[in-house]
Amino acid sequence: MRKPADSSAPLSEPIAQRWSPRALDETREVSWEQLRALLEAARWAASFGNTQPARFLAGRRGDATFRQILGTLTERNQAWAHRAGALLVAIAVTRNEKGEIPYAEYGLGLAAQNLVLQAVEDGLVAHQMAGFDADAVREAFAVPADAVPRVAIAVGHAGDPALLGVEKLVSREQAPRQRLPLGEIAYTGEWGMPAF
């Protein structure tokens, strides 16, 4: 299922095609090679002073890491994310040998976006989730105090929206993507004056 962005200017294909489905095909796998490519894309993201604060826990469906990550998700997210080919948790390291890392969460966000766009480029889909227990991640994986679990990410192959079962979820999955108009987010001259 494709849901391309309705944009006022041409976009690169991964950006235009990126969306966050919940209906995932549990009969298809995410290979270690595919997972490596996603994490390489994340590794090459920009970061403040090249501090590279992004870290990832990664598991493939069927392995212990996948099961542990799945167990930290909210019940609502577990209901669909168990079909993912891979589950990851994106973590911001906030300190290094020089002290506090400025903009660590921003760097993590850039790395996660690179990962998601690489997934699209590789024919996969990715869904980022705030619905997980960061403390449970810390405990399950011995995450140090200066590392902050920020988002869980399900990666896989898009599946039939009917897999979601609940009509409300199926409808939401099939609905067109929406964004604020460009004039409401890009200003010129003064705040609130649309640039376009």
N, C-alpha and C. Protein backbone atom coordinates (compact mmCIF):
# COMPACT_ATOMS: atom_id res chain seq x y z
N MET A 1 0.84 -1.18 0.00
CA MET A 1 0.00 0.00 0.00
C MET A 1 0.89 1.24 0.00
N ARG A 2 0.65 2.11 -0.95
CA ARG A 2 1.43 3.34 -1.07
C ARG A 2 0.55 4.54 -0.71
N LYS A 3 1.16 5.51 -0.04
CA LYS A 3 0.44 6.73 0.32
C LYS A 3 1.38 7.91 0.11
N PRO A 4 1.65 8.25 -1.16
CA PRO A 4 2.63 9.31 -1.42
C PRO A 4 2.19 10.66 -0.86
N ALA A 5 3.18 11.47 -0.48
CA ALA A 5 2.91 12.81 0.03
C ALA A 5 2.31 13.68 -1.06
N ASP A 6 1.32 14.47 -0.70
CA ASP A 6 0.71 15.46 -1.59
C ASP A 6 1.43 16.78 -1.33
N SER A 7 2.49 17.05 -2.08
CA SER A 7 3.35 18.19 -1.79
C SER A 7 3.27 19.27 -2.87
N SER A 8 3.65 20.49 -2.50
CA SER A 8 3.60 21.62 -3.44
C SER A 8 4.87 21.73 -4.26
N ALA A 9 5.84 20.85 -4.02
CA ALA A 9 7.10 20.81 -4.77
C ALA A 9 7.54 19.36 -4.85
N PRO A 10 8.32 19.02 -5.88
CA PRO A 10 8.80 17.63 -5.99
C PRO A 10 9.68 17.26 -4.80
N LEU A 11 9.51 16.04 -4.28
CA LEU A 11 10.30 15.54 -3.17
C LEU A 11 11.10 14.32 -3.62
N SER A 12 12.19 14.02 -2.93
CA SER A 12 12.92 12.79 -3.22
C SER A 12 11.97 11.62 -2.93
N GLU A 13 12.16 10.54 -3.64
CA GLU A 13 11.23 9.41 -3.54
C GLU A 13 11.09 8.85 -2.12
N PRO A 14 12.18 8.64 -1.38
CA PRO A 14 11.99 8.13 -0.01
C PRO A 14 11.18 9.07 0.88
N ILE A 15 11.36 10.36 0.73
CA ILE A 15 10.59 11.32 1.54
C ILE A 15 9.13 11.29 1.12
N ALA A 16 8.89 11.27 -0.18
CA ALA A 16 7.51 11.27 -0.68
C ALA A 16 6.76 10.00 -0.29
N GLN A 17 7.46 8.87 -0.20
CA GLN A 17 6.80 7.59 0.06
C GLN A 17 6.78 7.20 1.54
N ARG A 18 7.51 7.93 2.40
CA ARG A 18 7.59 7.56 3.81
C ARG A 18 6.27 7.79 4.53
N TRP A 19 5.81 6.76 5.21
CA TRP A 19 4.68 6.88 6.12
C TRP A 19 4.83 5.79 7.16
N SER A 20 3.96 5.77 8.14
CA SER A 20 4.14 4.90 9.30
C SER A 20 3.01 3.89 9.45
N PRO A 21 2.99 2.84 8.62
CA PRO A 21 1.92 1.85 8.73
C PRO A 21 2.06 0.99 9.98
N ARG A 22 0.92 0.48 10.42
CA ARG A 22 0.90 -0.50 11.52
C ARG A 22 0.64 -1.91 10.98
N ALA A 23 0.05 -1.99 9.81
CA ALA A 23 -0.22 -3.30 9.21
C ALA A 23 1.07 -3.82 8.57
N LEU A 24 1.65 -4.82 9.20
CA LEU A 24 2.91 -5.37 8.73
C LEU A 24 2.73 -6.84 8.37
N ASP A 25 3.46 -7.29 7.35
CA ASP A 25 3.36 -8.65 6.85
C ASP A 25 4.28 -9.56 7.66
N GLU A 26 3.70 -10.37 8.53
CA GLU A 26 4.51 -11.23 9.40
C GLU A 26 5.09 -12.44 8.68
N THR A 27 4.78 -12.63 7.40
CA THR A 27 5.36 -13.75 6.66
C THR A 27 6.69 -13.37 6.03
N ARG A 28 7.03 -12.08 6.06
CA ARG A 28 8.27 -11.62 5.43
C ARG A 28 9.27 -11.18 6.49
N GLU A 29 10.53 -11.42 6.22
CA GLU A 29 11.59 -11.12 7.18
C GLU A 29 12.34 -9.85 6.79
N VAL A 30 13.01 -9.28 7.77
CA VAL A 30 14.02 -8.25 7.56
C VAL A 30 15.35 -8.95 7.80
N SER A 31 16.19 -8.99 6.76
CA SER A 31 17.46 -9.72 6.87
C SER A 31 18.47 -8.92 7.68
N TRP A 32 19.52 -9.60 8.13
CA TRP A 32 20.60 -8.91 8.82
C TRP A 32 21.25 -7.89 7.89
N GLU A 33 21.33 -8.20 6.59
CA GLU A 33 21.91 -7.26 5.64
C GLU A 33 21.06 -6.00 5.53
N GLN A 34 19.74 -6.16 5.50
CA GLN A 34 18.85 -5.00 5.47
C GLN A 34 18.98 -4.18 6.76
N LEU A 35 19.02 -4.86 7.89
CA LEU A 35 19.16 -4.18 9.16
C LEU A 35 20.49 -3.44 9.24
N ARG A 36 21.53 -4.05 8.73
CA ARG A 36 22.85 -3.39 8.68
C ARG A 36 22.77 -2.10 7.86
N ALA A 37 22.10 -2.14 6.72
CA ALA A 37 21.99 -0.94 5.88
C ALA A 37 21.25 0.19 6.61
N LEU A 38 20.20 -0.17 7.35
CA LEU A 38 19.45 0.85 8.10
C LEU A 38 20.34 1.49 9.16
N LEU A 39 21.10 0.67 9.86
CA LEU A 39 21.95 1.18 10.93
C LEU A 39 23.15 1.95 10.37
N GLU A 40 23.64 1.57 9.21
CA GLU A 40 24.69 2.36 8.55
C GLU A 40 24.15 3.74 8.16
N ALA A 41 22.93 3.78 7.66
CA ALA A 41 22.32 5.08 7.33
C ALA A 41 22.22 5.94 8.57
N ALA A 42 21.83 5.34 9.68
CA ALA A 42 21.75 6.09 10.95
C ALA A 42 23.13 6.56 11.38
N ARG A 43 24.13 5.73 11.22
CA ARG A 43 25.50 6.06 11.63
C ARG A 43 26.04 7.28 10.90
N TRP A 44 25.60 7.48 9.65
CA TRP A 44 26.12 8.58 8.84
C TRP A 44 25.29 9.85 8.96
N ALA A 45 24.40 9.91 9.92
CA ALA A 45 23.61 11.13 10.13
C ALA A 45 24.50 12.25 10.68
N ALA A 46 24.10 13.47 10.40
CA ALA A 46 24.78 14.63 10.96
C ALA A 46 24.57 14.66 12.47
N SER A 47 25.55 15.23 13.19
CA SER A 47 25.40 15.44 14.63
C SER A 47 26.28 16.62 15.03
N PHE A 48 25.91 17.26 16.13
CA PHE A 48 26.66 18.41 16.63
C PHE A 48 28.11 18.03 16.89
N GLY A 49 29.03 18.73 16.22
CA GLY A 49 30.47 18.46 16.44
C GLY A 49 30.87 17.03 16.17
N ASN A 50 30.11 16.33 15.36
CA ASN A 50 30.36 14.92 15.05
C ASN A 50 30.39 14.06 16.33
N THR A 51 29.55 14.42 17.31
CA THR A 51 29.52 13.68 18.57
C THR A 51 28.82 12.33 18.45
N GLN A 52 28.01 12.13 17.44
CA GLN A 52 27.37 10.85 17.15
C GLN A 52 26.70 10.25 18.39
N PRO A 53 25.66 10.89 18.91
CA PRO A 53 25.04 10.42 20.14
C PRO A 53 24.06 9.26 19.97
N ALA A 54 23.76 8.87 18.76
CA ALA A 54 22.74 7.84 18.52
C ALA A 54 23.27 6.43 18.77
N ARG A 55 22.49 5.66 19.51
CA ARG A 55 22.76 4.24 19.73
C ARG A 55 21.46 3.49 19.50
N PHE A 56 21.56 2.24 19.10
CA PHE A 56 20.37 1.45 18.79
C PHE A 56 20.48 0.05 19.37
N LEU A 57 19.40 -0.41 19.96
CA LEU A 57 19.22 -1.82 20.27
C LEU A 57 18.43 -2.39 19.10
N ALA A 58 18.83 -3.54 18.59
CA ALA A 58 18.17 -4.07 17.39
C ALA A 58 17.98 -5.58 17.50
N GLY A 59 16.78 -6.02 17.18
CA GLY A 59 16.49 -7.45 17.16
C GLY A 59 15.60 -7.80 15.98
N ARG A 60 15.77 -9.00 15.50
CA ARG A 60 14.92 -9.50 14.42
C ARG A 60 13.87 -10.43 14.99
N ARG A 61 12.70 -10.46 14.32
CA ARG A 61 11.61 -11.31 14.79
C ARG A 61 12.12 -12.72 15.08
N GLY A 62 11.79 -13.20 16.27
CA GLY A 62 12.19 -14.55 16.67
C GLY A 62 13.39 -14.59 17.60
N ASP A 63 14.18 -13.50 17.66
CA ASP A 63 15.33 -13.55 18.56
C ASP A 63 15.01 -12.92 19.92
N ALA A 64 15.90 -13.12 20.87
CA ALA A 64 15.66 -12.67 22.25
C ALA A 64 15.56 -11.15 22.35
N THR A 65 16.37 -10.43 21.58
CA THR A 65 16.33 -8.97 21.64
C THR A 65 14.98 -8.46 21.15
N PHE A 66 14.48 -9.03 20.07
CA PHE A 66 13.16 -8.65 19.56
C PHE A 66 12.10 -8.86 20.64
N ARG A 67 12.13 -10.04 21.27
CA ARG A 67 11.13 -10.34 22.30
C ARG A 67 11.22 -9.38 23.48
N GLN A 68 12.44 -9.04 23.88
CA GLN A 68 12.62 -8.10 24.99
C GLN A 68 12.10 -6.71 24.63
N ILE A 69 12.41 -6.24 23.44
CA ILE A 69 11.91 -4.92 23.01
C ILE A 69 10.39 -4.96 22.95
N LEU A 70 9.85 -6.01 22.34
CA LEU A 70 8.39 -6.13 22.23
C LEU A 70 7.75 -6.05 23.61
N GLY A 71 8.36 -6.67 24.60
CA GLY A 71 7.83 -6.66 25.95
C GLY A 71 7.82 -5.29 26.61
N THR A 72 8.61 -4.36 26.10
CA THR A 72 8.64 -3.00 26.67
C THR A 72 7.61 -2.08 26.02
N LEU A 73 6.99 -2.52 24.93
CA LEU A 73 6.01 -1.69 24.23
C LEU A 73 4.68 -1.69 24.98
N THR A 74 3.90 -0.64 24.80
CA THR A 74 2.55 -0.62 25.36
C THR A 74 1.74 -1.74 24.72
N GLU A 75 0.69 -2.18 25.40
CA GLU A 75 -0.16 -3.24 24.84
C GLU A 75 -0.70 -2.84 23.47
N ARG A 76 -1.06 -1.59 23.35
CA ARG A 76 -1.60 -1.09 22.07
C ARG A 76 -0.59 -1.27 20.93
N ASN A 77 0.68 -0.99 21.21
CA ASN A 77 1.70 -1.17 20.18
C ASN A 77 2.07 -2.64 20.00
N GLN A 78 2.06 -3.42 21.08
CA GLN A 78 2.35 -4.85 20.94
C GLN A 78 1.34 -5.54 20.03
N ALA A 79 0.10 -5.04 20.02
CA ALA A 79 -0.98 -5.66 19.25
C ALA A 79 -0.68 -5.72 17.76
N TRP A 80 0.15 -4.82 17.26
CA TRP A 80 0.50 -4.86 15.84
C TRP A 80 2.01 -5.04 15.61
N ALA A 81 2.86 -4.55 16.52
CA ALA A 81 4.31 -4.55 16.29
C ALA A 81 4.91 -5.94 16.33
N HIS A 82 4.20 -6.92 16.90
CA HIS A 82 4.74 -8.28 16.92
C HIS A 82 4.94 -8.84 15.51
N ARG A 83 4.28 -8.22 14.51
CA ARG A 83 4.41 -8.67 13.12
C ARG A 83 5.64 -8.08 12.42
N ALA A 84 6.31 -7.13 13.05
CA ALA A 84 7.46 -6.47 12.43
C ALA A 84 8.57 -7.49 12.16
N GLY A 85 9.37 -7.22 11.16
CA GLY A 85 10.53 -8.06 10.90
C GLY A 85 11.68 -7.74 11.84
N ALA A 86 11.69 -6.50 12.34
CA ALA A 86 12.73 -6.07 13.29
C ALA A 86 12.15 -5.01 14.21
N LEU A 87 12.63 -5.00 15.43
CA LEU A 87 12.30 -3.95 16.39
C LEU A 87 13.60 -3.34 16.88
N LEU A 88 13.58 -2.01 17.02
CA LEU A 88 14.74 -1.29 17.51
C LEU A 88 14.32 -0.31 18.58
N VAL A 89 15.26 0.07 19.42
CA VAL A 89 15.06 1.18 20.33
C VAL A 89 16.20 2.15 20.06
N ALA A 90 15.84 3.41 19.79
CA ALA A 90 16.81 4.46 19.53
C ALA A 90 17.11 5.17 20.86
N ILE A 91 18.39 5.31 21.15
CA ILE A 91 18.84 5.81 22.45
C ILE A 91 19.82 6.97 22.23
N ALA A 92 19.64 8.05 22.98
CA ALA A 92 20.55 9.19 22.91
C ALA A 92 21.58 9.10 24.04
N VAL A 93 22.85 9.04 23.69
CA VAL A 93 23.92 9.10 24.67
C VAL A 93 24.15 10.58 24.97
N THR A 94 24.04 10.96 26.22
CA THR A 94 24.06 12.38 26.57
C THR A 94 25.42 12.88 27.06
N ARG A 95 26.37 11.96 27.30
CA ARG A 95 27.70 12.36 27.77
C ARG A 95 28.76 11.53 27.04
N ASN A 96 29.93 12.16 26.85
CA ASN A 96 31.09 11.42 26.36
C ASN A 96 32.29 11.84 27.20
N GLU A 97 33.49 11.49 26.76
CA GLU A 97 34.69 11.79 27.56
C GLU A 97 34.93 13.28 27.75
N LYS A 98 34.31 14.12 26.92
CA LYS A 98 34.47 15.58 27.03
C LYS A 98 33.38 16.22 27.89
N GLY A 99 32.39 15.44 28.31
CA GLY A 99 31.29 15.98 29.11
C GLY A 99 29.95 15.83 28.41
N GLU A 100 29.03 16.74 28.71
CA GLU A 100 27.68 16.66 28.15
C GLU A 100 27.71 16.87 26.64
N ILE A 101 26.95 16.05 25.93
CA ILE A 101 26.85 16.17 24.48
C ILE A 101 25.72 17.15 24.15
N PRO A 102 26.05 18.30 23.55
CA PRO A 102 25.00 19.25 23.17
C PRO A 102 24.10 18.65 22.07
N TYR A 103 22.84 18.94 22.17
CA TYR A 103 21.87 18.54 21.14
C TYR A 103 21.85 17.04 20.87
N ALA A 104 22.07 16.24 21.90
CA ALA A 104 22.11 14.78 21.72
C ALA A 104 20.80 14.25 21.16
N GLU A 105 19.68 14.74 21.65
CA GLU A 105 18.40 14.24 21.16
C GLU A 105 18.15 14.67 19.72
N TYR A 106 18.61 15.84 19.35
CA TYR A 106 18.50 16.27 17.96
C TYR A 106 19.31 15.33 17.06
N GLY A 107 20.52 15.00 17.50
CA GLY A 107 21.35 14.06 16.74
C GLY A 107 20.70 12.70 16.61
N LEU A 108 20.06 12.24 17.69
CA LEU A 108 19.35 10.97 17.63
C LEU A 108 18.19 11.04 16.64
N GLY A 109 17.48 12.17 16.64
CA GLY A 109 16.37 12.34 15.70
C GLY A 109 16.84 12.29 14.25
N LEU A 110 17.97 12.92 13.97
CA LEU A 110 18.51 12.88 12.60
C LEU A 110 18.90 11.46 12.22
N ALA A 111 19.50 10.73 13.15
CA ALA A 111 19.90 9.35 12.87
C ALA A 111 18.68 8.47 12.63
N ALA A 112 17.64 8.65 13.45
CA ALA A 112 16.41 7.86 13.28
C ALA A 112 15.76 8.17 11.93
N GLN A 113 15.75 9.43 11.54
CA GLN A 113 15.16 9.78 10.24
C GLN A 113 15.96 9.15 9.10
N ASN A 114 17.30 9.17 9.20
CA ASN A 114 18.10 8.51 8.17
C ASN A 114 17.72 7.03 8.08
N LEU A 115 17.58 6.39 9.23
CA LEU A 115 17.23 4.97 9.28
C LEU A 115 15.89 4.73 8.58
N VAL A 116 14.91 5.55 8.89
CA VAL A 116 13.57 5.40 8.32
C VAL A 116 13.59 5.62 6.81
N LEU A 117 14.31 6.63 6.35
CA LEU A 117 14.37 6.90 4.91
C LEU A 117 15.11 5.79 4.17
N GLN A 118 16.14 5.22 4.79
CA GLN A 118 16.83 4.08 4.17
C GLN A 118 15.88 2.89 4.08
N ALA A 119 15.05 2.71 5.09
CA ALA A 119 14.06 1.63 5.04
C ALA A 119 13.17 1.79 3.82
N VAL A 120 12.68 2.99 3.58
CA VAL A 120 11.82 3.25 2.42
C VAL A 120 12.58 2.96 1.13
N GLU A 121 13.82 3.44 1.06
CA GLU A 121 14.65 3.20 -0.13
C GLU A 121 14.82 1.72 -0.40
N ASP A 122 14.86 0.92 0.67
CA ASP A 122 15.08 -0.52 0.54
C ASP A 122 13.78 -1.33 0.43
N GLY A 123 12.65 -0.64 0.24
CA GLY A 123 11.38 -1.34 0.08
C GLY A 123 10.73 -1.78 1.38
N LEU A 124 11.20 -1.24 2.49
CA LEU A 124 10.63 -1.56 3.80
C LEU A 124 9.80 -0.39 4.29
N VAL A 125 9.14 -0.59 5.42
CA VAL A 125 8.43 0.49 6.09
C VAL A 125 8.91 0.53 7.54
N ALA A 126 8.74 1.68 8.16
CA ALA A 126 9.15 1.83 9.56
C ALA A 126 8.12 2.68 10.29
N HIS A 127 7.87 2.32 11.52
CA HIS A 127 6.91 3.05 12.35
C HIS A 127 7.59 3.35 13.68
N GLN A 128 7.75 4.64 13.98
CA GLN A 128 8.38 5.07 15.22
C GLN A 128 7.31 5.21 16.31
N MET A 129 7.67 4.79 17.53
CA MET A 129 6.69 4.75 18.62
C MET A 129 7.25 5.39 19.89
N ALA A 130 6.43 6.22 20.51
CA ALA A 130 6.75 6.73 21.85
C ALA A 130 6.17 5.80 22.90
N GLY A 131 5.26 4.92 22.51
CA GLY A 131 4.57 4.03 23.45
C GLY A 131 5.40 2.83 23.86
N PHE A 132 6.37 3.07 24.74
CA PHE A 132 7.19 1.99 25.29
C PHE A 132 7.68 2.45 26.66
N ASP A 133 8.16 1.51 27.44
CA ASP A 133 8.62 1.78 28.80
C ASP A 133 10.15 1.91 28.79
N ALA A 134 10.63 3.14 28.87
CA ALA A 134 12.07 3.40 28.83
C ALA A 134 12.80 2.75 30.00
N ASP A 135 12.17 2.74 31.17
CA ASP A 135 12.80 2.11 32.33
C ASP A 135 12.94 0.60 32.14
N ALA A 136 11.94 0.00 31.51
CA ALA A 136 12.02 -1.44 31.22
C ALA A 136 13.15 -1.72 30.23
N VAL A 137 13.35 -0.83 29.26
CA VAL A 137 14.46 -0.98 28.31
C VAL A 137 15.78 -0.88 29.07
N ARG A 138 15.88 0.12 29.95
CA ARG A 138 17.11 0.28 30.74
C ARG A 138 17.45 -1.00 31.50
N GLU A 139 16.43 -1.56 32.14
CA GLU A 139 16.64 -2.76 32.95
C GLU A 139 16.96 -3.98 32.09
N ALA A 140 16.20 -4.19 31.03
CA ALA A 140 16.39 -5.38 30.20
C ALA A 140 17.74 -5.41 29.50
N PHE A 141 18.26 -4.22 29.16
CA PHE A 141 19.49 -4.17 28.35
C PHE A 141 20.67 -3.51 29.07
N ALA A 142 20.53 -3.25 30.37
CA ALA A 142 21.60 -2.64 31.16
C ALA A 142 22.08 -1.33 30.52
N VAL A 143 21.13 -0.49 30.13
CA VAL A 143 21.44 0.80 29.52
C VAL A 143 21.98 1.74 30.60
N PRO A 144 23.13 2.37 30.37
CA PRO A 144 23.70 3.24 31.41
C PRO A 144 22.87 4.50 31.63
N ALA A 145 23.10 5.15 32.76
CA ALA A 145 22.31 6.31 33.18
C ALA A 145 22.45 7.49 32.21
N ASP A 146 23.58 7.62 31.53
CA ASP A 146 23.77 8.75 30.63
C ASP A 146 23.28 8.46 29.20
N ALA A 147 22.49 7.42 29.04
CA ALA A 147 21.89 7.07 27.75
C ALA A 147 20.37 7.04 27.94
N VAL A 148 19.66 7.73 27.05
CA VAL A 148 18.22 7.92 27.21
C VAL A 148 17.45 7.22 26.09
N PRO A 149 16.72 6.12 26.39
CA PRO A 149 15.87 5.50 25.38
C PRO A 149 14.76 6.47 24.99
N ARG A 150 14.67 6.81 23.69
CA ARG A 150 13.73 7.83 23.26
C ARG A 150 12.60 7.35 22.37
N VAL A 151 12.85 6.35 21.54
CA VAL A 151 11.81 5.91 20.61
C VAL A 151 12.06 4.46 20.23
N ALA A 152 10.97 3.71 20.10
CA ALA A 152 11.05 2.35 19.56
C ALA A 152 10.67 2.43 18.08
N ILE A 153 11.23 1.54 17.28
CA ILE A 153 10.97 1.58 15.83
C ILE A 153 10.68 0.15 15.35
N ALA A 154 9.53 -0.01 14.72
CA ALA A 154 9.18 -1.28 14.09
C ALA A 154 9.52 -1.16 12.60
N VAL A 155 10.20 -2.16 12.07
CA VAL A 155 10.59 -2.17 10.66
C VAL A 155 10.08 -3.47 10.05
N GLY A 156 9.56 -3.39 8.85
CA GLY A 156 9.09 -4.60 8.18
C GLY A 156 8.61 -4.31 6.78
N HIS A 157 7.74 -5.17 6.32
CA HIS A 157 7.12 -5.04 5.01
C HIS A 157 5.65 -4.70 5.21
N ALA A 158 5.16 -3.75 4.44
CA ALA A 158 3.75 -3.35 4.56
C ALA A 158 2.85 -4.55 4.30
N GLY A 159 1.79 -4.63 5.09
CA GLY A 159 0.83 -5.71 4.96
C GLY A 159 -0.57 -5.18 4.68
N ASP A 160 -1.51 -6.08 4.63
CA ASP A 160 -2.91 -5.74 4.39
C ASP A 160 -3.49 -5.04 5.62
N PRO A 161 -4.07 -3.84 5.45
CA PRO A 161 -4.65 -3.14 6.60
C PRO A 161 -5.68 -3.98 7.38
N ALA A 162 -6.31 -4.95 6.72
CA ALA A 162 -7.29 -5.80 7.40
C ALA A 162 -6.66 -6.58 8.56
N LEU A 163 -5.33 -6.74 8.54
CA LEU A 163 -4.63 -7.42 9.63
C LEU A 163 -4.88 -6.75 10.98
N LEU A 164 -5.18 -5.46 10.96
CA LEU A 164 -5.36 -4.71 12.19
C LEU A 164 -6.66 -5.04 12.89
N GLY A 165 -7.61 -5.65 12.16
CA GLY A 165 -8.84 -6.16 12.76
C GLY A 165 -9.87 -5.12 13.14
N VAL A 166 -9.51 -4.12 13.89
CA VAL A 166 -10.45 -3.10 14.37
C VAL A 166 -10.71 -2.08 13.26
N GLU A 167 -11.99 -1.86 12.95
CA GLU A 167 -12.35 -0.99 11.83
C GLU A 167 -11.74 0.40 11.94
N LYS A 168 -11.68 0.94 13.16
CA LYS A 168 -11.10 2.27 13.35
C LYS A 168 -9.63 2.30 12.92
N LEU A 169 -8.90 1.25 13.27
CA LEU A 169 -7.48 1.17 12.89
C LEU A 169 -7.31 0.95 11.39
N VAL A 170 -8.17 0.12 10.83
CA VAL A 170 -8.12 -0.14 9.38
C VAL A 170 -8.38 1.15 8.62
N SER A 171 -9.40 1.91 9.04
CA SER A 171 -9.73 3.18 8.38
C SER A 171 -8.58 4.16 8.48
N ARG A 172 -7.98 4.23 9.66
CA ARG A 172 -6.85 5.15 9.85
C ARG A 172 -5.67 4.76 8.97
N GLU A 173 -5.45 3.47 8.83
CA GLU A 173 -4.35 2.98 7.99
C GLU A 173 -4.57 3.36 6.53
N GLN A 174 -5.82 3.35 6.08
CA GLN A 174 -6.14 3.62 4.68
C GLN A 174 -6.36 5.10 4.38
N ALA A 175 -6.49 5.92 5.40
CA ALA A 175 -6.76 7.35 5.20
C ALA A 175 -5.57 8.04 4.54
N PRO A 176 -5.83 9.10 3.77
CA PRO A 176 -4.73 9.85 3.16
C PRO A 176 -3.86 10.50 4.24
N ARG A 177 -2.61 10.66 3.93
CA ARG A 177 -1.70 11.36 4.83
C ARG A 177 -2.02 12.84 4.80
N GLN A 178 -1.85 13.50 5.94
CA GLN A 178 -2.13 14.93 6.02
C GLN A 178 -1.02 15.65 6.74
N ARG A 179 -0.77 16.89 6.33
CA ARG A 179 0.19 17.76 6.98
C ARG A 179 -0.38 19.17 6.97
N LEU A 180 0.13 20.01 7.87
CA LEU A 180 -0.23 21.42 7.84
C LEU A 180 0.21 22.01 6.50
N PRO A 181 -0.52 23.01 5.99
CA PRO A 181 -0.06 23.66 4.76
C PRO A 181 1.30 24.33 4.99
N LEU A 182 2.09 24.44 3.92
CA LEU A 182 3.42 25.03 4.00
C LEU A 182 3.37 26.44 4.59
N GLY A 183 2.34 27.20 4.24
CA GLY A 183 2.21 28.57 4.75
C GLY A 183 2.04 28.65 6.26
N GLU A 184 1.70 27.53 6.90
CA GLU A 184 1.54 27.52 8.35
C GLU A 184 2.81 27.10 9.10
N ILE A 185 3.84 26.68 8.35
CA ILE A 185 5.07 26.27 9.04
C ILE A 185 6.30 27.03 8.58
N ALA A 186 6.22 27.71 7.43
CA ALA A 186 7.38 28.44 6.90
C ALA A 186 7.03 29.92 6.79
N TYR A 187 7.76 30.75 7.53
CA TYR A 187 7.46 32.18 7.60
C TYR A 187 8.60 33.00 7.01
N THR A 188 8.27 34.23 6.64
CA THR A 188 9.28 35.17 6.18
C THR A 188 8.89 36.56 6.67
N GLY A 189 9.88 37.38 6.93
CA GLY A 189 9.61 38.75 7.38
C GLY A 189 9.30 38.84 8.85
N GLU A 190 8.29 38.13 9.30
CA GLU A 190 7.94 38.08 10.71
C GLU A 190 7.15 36.82 10.98
N TRP A 191 7.04 36.48 12.26
CA TRP A 191 6.34 35.26 12.67
C TRP A 191 4.91 35.29 12.15
N GLY A 192 4.52 34.19 11.52
CA GLY A 192 3.16 34.06 11.03
C GLY A 192 2.95 34.56 9.60
N MET A 193 3.93 35.22 9.01
CA MET A 193 3.83 35.70 7.62
C MET A 193 4.29 34.58 6.70
N PRO A 194 3.36 33.94 5.97
CA PRO A 194 3.73 32.78 5.14
C PRO A 194 4.82 33.11 4.13
N ALA A 195 5.78 32.23 4.03
CA ALA A 195 6.84 32.37 3.01
C ALA A 195 6.33 31.89 1.66
N PHE A 196 5.32 31.03 1.67
CA PHE A 196 4.75 30.49 0.41
C PHE A 196 3.25 30.52 0.47
